[in-house]
Amino acid sequence: MSQHLPKSQIFFKIILLVMLLCVFCFTVGQFIPIYFTFHSFIIPYYFTLFAVTVITVTITSVHQLYSPQKKNRIGTTFYTVCIMSLSILIFGFITLTKILAVWVDRGTLYYQKNNPEVKIVSRYIDLGAGGGGTEPGDYKIVLKRPITPFFKLETSVDTNAIDKSDWIKEGYK
């Protein structure tokens, strides 16, 4: 015999999965070297991710607060307010730093002979009014490969280690 879950439990499990997906995108997903092709997609993406995270944390917290098994309402209310406040602060801060700190192309160093869309570029970090581009760690050389019209793969590359016969050298624009 199969047991059927009530619709509220199915909804709650979906909310938990969405919340875990958002937390993944804010944490481990930041180390995946796939980026948007257009910078105009970054702000709506992180704003939506932030809003969905806060909404799912709120729904989860309220569900925990008003769960029939909970007997200590004061402790649970304090716990809920703390978790909601921390999630808003932490994910809001992450969202702001991701929106404000942008890697900007300085110029194209090389492009591939067979596919001119594949490029090696010099980049620097632009922190807006906070500066950027002045410290040694603010610059990097990356290999940019388009995946789709909306996404690109960027990985660090050493220009001394590449086979120069496959690449055409281009100076800064």
C-alpha atoms as a PDB file:
ATOM      1  CA  MET A   1       0.000   0.000   0.000  1.00  0.00           C
ATOM      2  CA  SER A   2       1.187   3.473  -0.743  1.00  0.00           C
ATOM      3  CA  GLN A   3       0.735   6.280   1.715  1.00  0.00           C
ATOM      4  CA  HIS A   4      -0.376   9.642   0.405  1.00  0.00           C
ATOM      5  CA  LEU A   5       1.020  12.784   1.944  1.00  0.00           C
ATOM      6  CA  PRO A   6      -1.370  15.620   2.668  1.00  0.00           C
ATOM      7  CA  LYS A   7      -1.133  18.553   0.256  1.00  0.00           C
ATOM      8  CA  SER A   8       0.289  20.787   2.985  1.00  0.00           C
ATOM      9  CA  GLN A   9       3.220  18.413   3.531  1.00  0.00           C
ATOM     10  CA  ILE A  10       3.908  18.204  -0.207  1.00  0.00           C
ATOM     11  CA  PHE A  11       3.812  22.014  -0.422  1.00  0.00           C
ATOM     12  CA  PHE A  12       6.161  22.292   2.570  1.00  0.00           C
ATOM     13  CA  LYS A  13       8.626  19.828   1.015  1.00  0.00           C
ATOM     14  CA  ILE A  14       8.604  21.808  -2.243  1.00  0.00           C
ATOM     15  CA  ILE A  15       9.251  25.019  -0.274  1.00  0.00           C
ATOM     16  CA  LEU A  16      12.194  23.347   1.486  1.00  0.00           C
ATOM     17  CA  LEU A  17      13.645  22.174  -1.836  1.00  0.00           C
ATOM     18  CA  VAL A  18      13.336  25.683  -3.319  1.00  0.00           C
ATOM     19  CA  MET A  19      14.988  27.147  -0.220  1.00  0.00           C
ATOM     20  CA  LEU A  20      17.862  24.640  -0.480  1.00  0.00           C
ATOM     21  CA  LEU A  21      18.263  25.485  -4.183  1.00  0.00           C
ATOM     22  CA  CYS A  22      18.510  29.202  -3.320  1.00  0.00           C
ATOM     23  CA  VAL A  23      21.063  28.541  -0.592  1.00  0.00           C
ATOM     24  CA  PHE A  24      23.026  26.388  -3.060  1.00  0.00           C
ATOM     25  CA  CYS A  25      23.016  29.221  -5.607  1.00  0.00           C
ATOM     26  CA  PHE A  26      24.297  31.684  -2.996  1.00  0.00           C
ATOM     27  CA  THR A  27      27.004  29.369  -1.649  1.00  0.00           C
ATOM     28  CA  VAL A  28      28.371  26.478  -3.723  1.00  0.00           C
ATOM     29  CA  GLY A  29      26.926  27.838  -6.962  1.00  0.00           C
ATOM     30  CA  GLN A  30      29.234  30.853  -6.724  1.00  0.00           C
ATOM     31  CA  PHE A  31      32.221  28.592  -7.434  1.00  0.00           C
ATOM     32  CA  ILE A  32      30.802  27.276 -10.717  1.00  0.00           C
ATOM     33  CA  PRO A  33      32.532  29.311 -13.479  1.00  0.00           C
ATOM     34  CA  ILE A  34      29.391  29.880 -15.562  1.00  0.00           C
ATOM     35  CA  TYR A  35      28.275  33.497 -15.898  1.00  0.00           C
ATOM     36  CA  PHE A  36      25.654  35.557 -17.667  1.00  0.00           C
ATOM     37  CA  THR A  37      26.677  36.888 -21.062  1.00  0.00           C
ATOM     38  CA  PHE A  38      24.937  40.204 -20.425  1.00  0.00           C
ATOM     39  CA  HIS A  39      25.506  42.144 -17.190  1.00  0.00           C
ATOM     40  CA  SER A  40      21.903  43.384 -17.268  1.00  0.00           C
ATOM     41  CA  PHE A  41      20.719  39.902 -16.170  1.00  0.00           C
ATOM     42  CA  ILE A  42      22.745  39.938 -12.950  1.00  0.00           C
ATOM     43  CA  ILE A  43      20.599  42.363 -10.923  1.00  0.00           C
ATOM     44  CA  PRO A  44      17.215  40.703 -11.652  1.00  0.00           C
ATOM     45  CA  TYR A  45      18.724  37.247 -11.044  1.00  0.00           C
ATOM     46  CA  TYR A  46      20.163  38.067  -7.614  1.00  0.00           C
ATOM     47  CA  PHE A  47      17.162  40.151  -6.593  1.00  0.00           C
ATOM     48  CA  THR A  48      14.799  37.277  -7.476  1.00  0.00           C
ATOM     49  CA  LEU A  49      17.049  34.779  -5.711  1.00  0.00           C
ATOM     50  CA  PHE A  50      17.155  37.002  -2.611  1.00  0.00           C
ATOM     51  CA  ALA A  51      13.356  37.497  -2.601  1.00  0.00           C
ATOM     52  CA  VAL A  52      12.661  33.767  -3.051  1.00  0.00           C
ATOM     53  CA  THR A  53      15.122  32.936  -0.257  1.00  0.00           C
ATOM     54  CA  VAL A  54      13.480  35.343   2.171  1.00  0.00           C
ATOM     55  CA  ILE A  55       9.977  34.147   1.226  1.00  0.00           C
ATOM     56  CA  THR A  56      10.854  30.463   1.630  1.00  0.00           C
ATOM     57  CA  VAL A  57      12.615  31.088   4.953  1.00  0.00           C
ATOM     58  CA  THR A  58       9.562  33.022   6.151  1.00  0.00           C
ATOM     59  CA  ILE A  59       7.153  30.260   5.092  1.00  0.00           C
ATOM     60  CA  THR A  60       9.355  27.608   6.708  1.00  0.00           C
ATOM     61  CA  SER A  61       9.663  29.612   9.915  1.00  0.00           C
ATOM     62  CA  VAL A  62       5.932  30.280  10.139  1.00  0.00           C
ATOM     63  CA  HIS A  63       5.241  26.607   9.450  1.00  0.00           C
ATOM     64  CA  GLN A  64       7.581  25.654  12.291  1.00  0.00           C
ATOM     65  CA  LEU A  65       6.061  28.280  14.564  1.00  0.00           C
ATOM     66  CA  TYR A  66       2.471  27.171  14.078  1.00  0.00           C
ATOM     67  CA  SER A  67       3.118  23.470  13.818  1.00  0.00           C
ATOM     68  CA  PRO A  68       0.701  21.556  16.074  1.00  0.00           C
ATOM     69  CA  GLN A  69       3.603  19.622  17.634  1.00  0.00           C
ATOM     70  CA  LYS A  70       5.227  22.795  18.993  1.00  0.00           C
ATOM     71  CA  LYS A  71       4.448  23.485  22.628  1.00  0.00           C
ATOM     72  CA  ASN A  72       6.985  26.231  23.443  1.00  0.00           C
ATOM     73  CA  ARG A  73       5.608  29.139  21.370  1.00  0.00           C
ATOM     74  CA  ILE A  74       7.859  31.823  22.930  1.00  0.00           C
ATOM     75  CA  GLY A  75      11.098  29.973  22.209  1.00  0.00           C
ATOM     76  CA  THR A  76       9.939  29.076  18.724  1.00  0.00           C
ATOM     77  CA  THR A  77       8.891  32.681  18.029  1.00  0.00           C
ATOM     78  CA  PHE A  78      12.310  33.950  19.137  1.00  0.00           C
ATOM     79  CA  TYR A  79      14.009  31.296  17.007  1.00  0.00           C
ATOM     80  CA  THR A  80      11.842  32.203  14.002  1.00  0.00           C
ATOM     81  CA  VAL A  81      12.544  35.945  14.292  1.00  0.00           C
ATOM     82  CA  CYS A  82      16.286  35.304  14.640  1.00  0.00           C
ATOM     83  CA  ILE A  83      16.428  32.988  11.625  1.00  0.00           C
ATOM     84  CA  MET A  84      14.380  35.365   9.466  1.00  0.00           C
ATOM     85  CA  SER A  85      16.496  38.377  10.466  1.00  0.00           C
ATOM     86  CA  LEU A  86      19.753  36.555   9.845  1.00  0.00           C
ATOM     87  CA  SER A  87      18.605  35.278   6.462  1.00  0.00           C
ATOM     88  CA  ILE A  88      17.575  38.779   5.370  1.00  0.00           C
ATOM     89  CA  LEU A  89      20.898  40.247   6.542  1.00  0.00           C
ATOM     90  CA  ILE A  90      23.173  37.528   5.193  1.00  0.00           C
ATOM     91  CA  PHE A  91      21.530  36.981   1.829  1.00  0.00           C
ATOM     92  CA  GLY A  92      20.869  40.714   1.413  1.00  0.00           C
ATOM     93  CA  PHE A  93      24.565  41.437   1.980  1.00  0.00           C
ATOM     94  CA  ILE A  94      25.580  38.693  -0.466  1.00  0.00           C
ATOM     95  CA  THR A  95      23.123  40.068  -3.023  1.00  0.00           C
ATOM     96  CA  LEU A  96      24.478  43.608  -2.696  1.00  0.00           C
ATOM     97  CA  THR A  97      28.098  42.530  -3.000  1.00  0.00           C
ATOM     98  CA  LYS A  98      27.332  40.421  -6.068  1.00  0.00           C
ATOM     99  CA  ILE A  99      25.516  43.322  -7.722  1.00  0.00           C
ATOM    100  CA  LEU A 100      28.083  45.992  -6.850  1.00  0.00           C
ATOM    101  CA  ALA A 101      31.296  44.043  -7.572  1.00  0.00           C
ATOM    102  CA  VAL A 102      31.626  43.358 -11.293  1.00  0.00           C
ATOM    103  CA  TRP A 103      34.524  41.963 -13.310  1.00  0.00           C
ATOM    104  CA  VAL A 104      35.078  44.215 -16.334  1.00  0.00           C
ATOM    105  CA  ASP A 105      37.009  43.283 -19.476  1.00  0.00           C
ATOM    106  CA  ARG A 106      40.131  45.402 -19.902  1.00  0.00           C
ATOM    107  CA  GLY A 107      40.848  44.054 -23.356  1.00  0.00           C
ATOM    108  CA  THR A 108      41.179  40.991 -25.538  1.00  0.00           C
ATOM    109  CA  LEU A 109      44.637  39.412 -25.554  1.00  0.00           C
ATOM    110  CA  TYR A 110      43.986  36.472 -27.907  1.00  0.00           C
ATOM    111  CA  TYR A 111      41.136  34.939 -29.848  1.00  0.00           C
ATOM    112  CA  GLN A 112      40.984  31.431 -31.212  1.00  0.00           C
ATOM    113  CA  LYS A 113      41.628  30.910 -34.941  1.00  0.00           C
ATOM    114  CA  ASN A 114      38.836  28.368 -35.406  1.00  0.00           C
ATOM    115  CA  ASN A 115      36.247  30.169 -33.277  1.00  0.00           C
ATOM    116  CA  PRO A 116      36.660  33.937 -32.747  1.00  0.00           C
ATOM    117  CA  GLU A 117      34.006  33.834 -29.997  1.00  0.00           C
ATOM    118  CA  VAL A 118      36.496  32.010 -27.755  1.00  0.00           C
ATOM    119  CA  LYS A 119      38.785  34.680 -26.304  1.00  0.00           C
ATOM    120  CA  ILE A 120      41.459  35.219 -23.706  1.00  0.00           C
ATOM    121  CA  VAL A 121      40.818  38.531 -22.003  1.00  0.00           C
ATOM    122  CA  SER A 122      42.348  40.617 -19.264  1.00  0.00           C
ATOM    123  CA  ARG A 123      39.854  41.576 -16.553  1.00  0.00           C
ATOM    124  CA  TYR A 124      39.761  43.774 -13.483  1.00  0.00           C
ATOM    125  CA  ILE A 125      37.268  44.093 -10.660  1.00  0.00           C
ATOM    126  CA  ASP A 126      35.137  47.223 -10.558  1.00  0.00           C
ATOM    127  CA  LEU A 127      33.733  48.001  -7.122  1.00  0.00           C
ATOM    128  CA  GLY A 128      32.009  51.203  -8.189  1.00  0.00           C
ATOM    129  CA  ALA A 129      32.621  53.946  -5.637  1.00  0.00           C
ATOM    130  CA  GLY A 130      34.573  51.430  -3.546  1.00  0.00           C
ATOM    131  CA  GLY A 131      37.392  51.415  -6.095  1.00  0.00           C
ATOM    132  CA  GLY A 132      38.870  48.220  -7.423  1.00  0.00           C
ATOM    133  CA  GLY A 133      41.471  47.421 -10.026  1.00  0.00           C
ATOM    134  CA  THR A 134      44.364  48.736  -7.945  1.00  0.00           C
ATOM    135  CA  GLU A 135      45.487  45.678  -5.966  1.00  0.00           C
ATOM    136  CA  PRO A 136      47.405  42.712  -7.463  1.00  0.00           C
ATOM    137  CA  GLY A 137      44.425  40.376  -6.881  1.00  0.00           C
ATOM    138  CA  ASP A 138      42.079  42.722  -8.723  1.00  0.00           C
ATOM    139  CA  TYR A 139      43.324  41.564 -12.151  1.00  0.00           C
ATOM    140  CA  LYS A 140      43.095  38.193 -13.837  1.00  0.00           C
ATOM    141  CA  ILE A 141      43.369  36.662 -17.276  1.00  0.00           C
ATOM    142  CA  VAL A 142      40.485  34.399 -18.253  1.00  0.00           C
ATOM    143  CA  LEU A 143      39.442  32.184 -21.127  1.00  0.00           C
ATOM    144  CA  LYS A 144      35.882  33.061 -22.188  1.00  0.00           C
ATOM    145  CA  ARG A 145      33.846  30.413 -24.011  1.00  0.00           C
ATOM    146  CA  PRO A 146      30.191  30.972 -24.927  1.00  0.00           C
ATOM    147  CA  ILE A 147      27.900  28.105 -23.896  1.00  0.00           C
ATOM    148  CA  THR A 148      24.564  29.571 -24.992  1.00  0.00           C
ATOM    149  CA  PRO A 149      23.553  33.091 -26.011  1.00  0.00           C
ATOM    150  CA  PHE A 150      22.847  33.791 -22.310  1.00  0.00           C
ATOM    151  CA  PHE A 151      25.693  31.955 -20.542  1.00  0.00           C
ATOM    152  CA  LYS A 152      29.473  31.828 -20.853  1.00  0.00           C
ATOM    153  CA  LEU A 153      32.162  29.712 -19.234  1.00  0.00           C
ATOM    154  CA  GLU A 154      35.148  31.593 -17.825  1.00  0.00           C
ATOM    155  CA  THR A 155      38.243  29.922 -16.464  1.00  0.00           C
ATOM    156  CA  SER A 156      41.626  31.296 -15.477  1.00  0.00           C
ATOM    157  CA  VAL A 157      44.368  30.685 -18.006  1.00  0.00           C
ATOM    158  CA  ASP A 158      48.117  31.102 -18.183  1.00  0.00           C
ATOM    159  CA  THR A 159      49.012  32.691 -21.525  1.00  0.00           C
ATOM    160  CA  ASN A 160      52.557  31.293 -21.311  1.00  0.00           C
ATOM    161  CA  ALA A 161      51.208  27.730 -21.278  1.00  0.00           C
ATOM    162  CA  ILE A 162      48.861  27.943 -24.290  1.00  0.00           C
ATOM    163  CA  ASP A 163      49.729  26.759 -27.792  1.00  0.00           C
ATOM    164  CA  LYS A 164      50.226  30.085 -29.588  1.00  0.00           C
ATOM    165  CA  SER A 165      49.650  28.486 -33.024  1.00  0.00           C
ATOM    166  CA  ASP A 166      45.922  28.072 -32.191  1.00  0.00           C
ATOM    167  CA  TRP A 167      45.505  31.701 -31.158  1.00  0.00           C
ATOM    168  CA  ILE A 168      45.688  35.099 -32.842  1.00  0.00           C
ATOM    169  CA  LYS A 169      47.243  37.821 -30.725  1.00  0.00           C
ATOM    170  CA  GLU A 170      45.288  41.014 -30.369  1.00  0.00           C
ATOM    171  CA  GLY A 171      46.323  44.085 -28.428  1.00  0.00           C
ATOM    172  CA  TYR A 172      44.182  46.076 -26.032  1.00  0.00           C
ATOM    173  CA  LYS A 173      41.311  47.878 -27.645  1.00  0.00           C
END
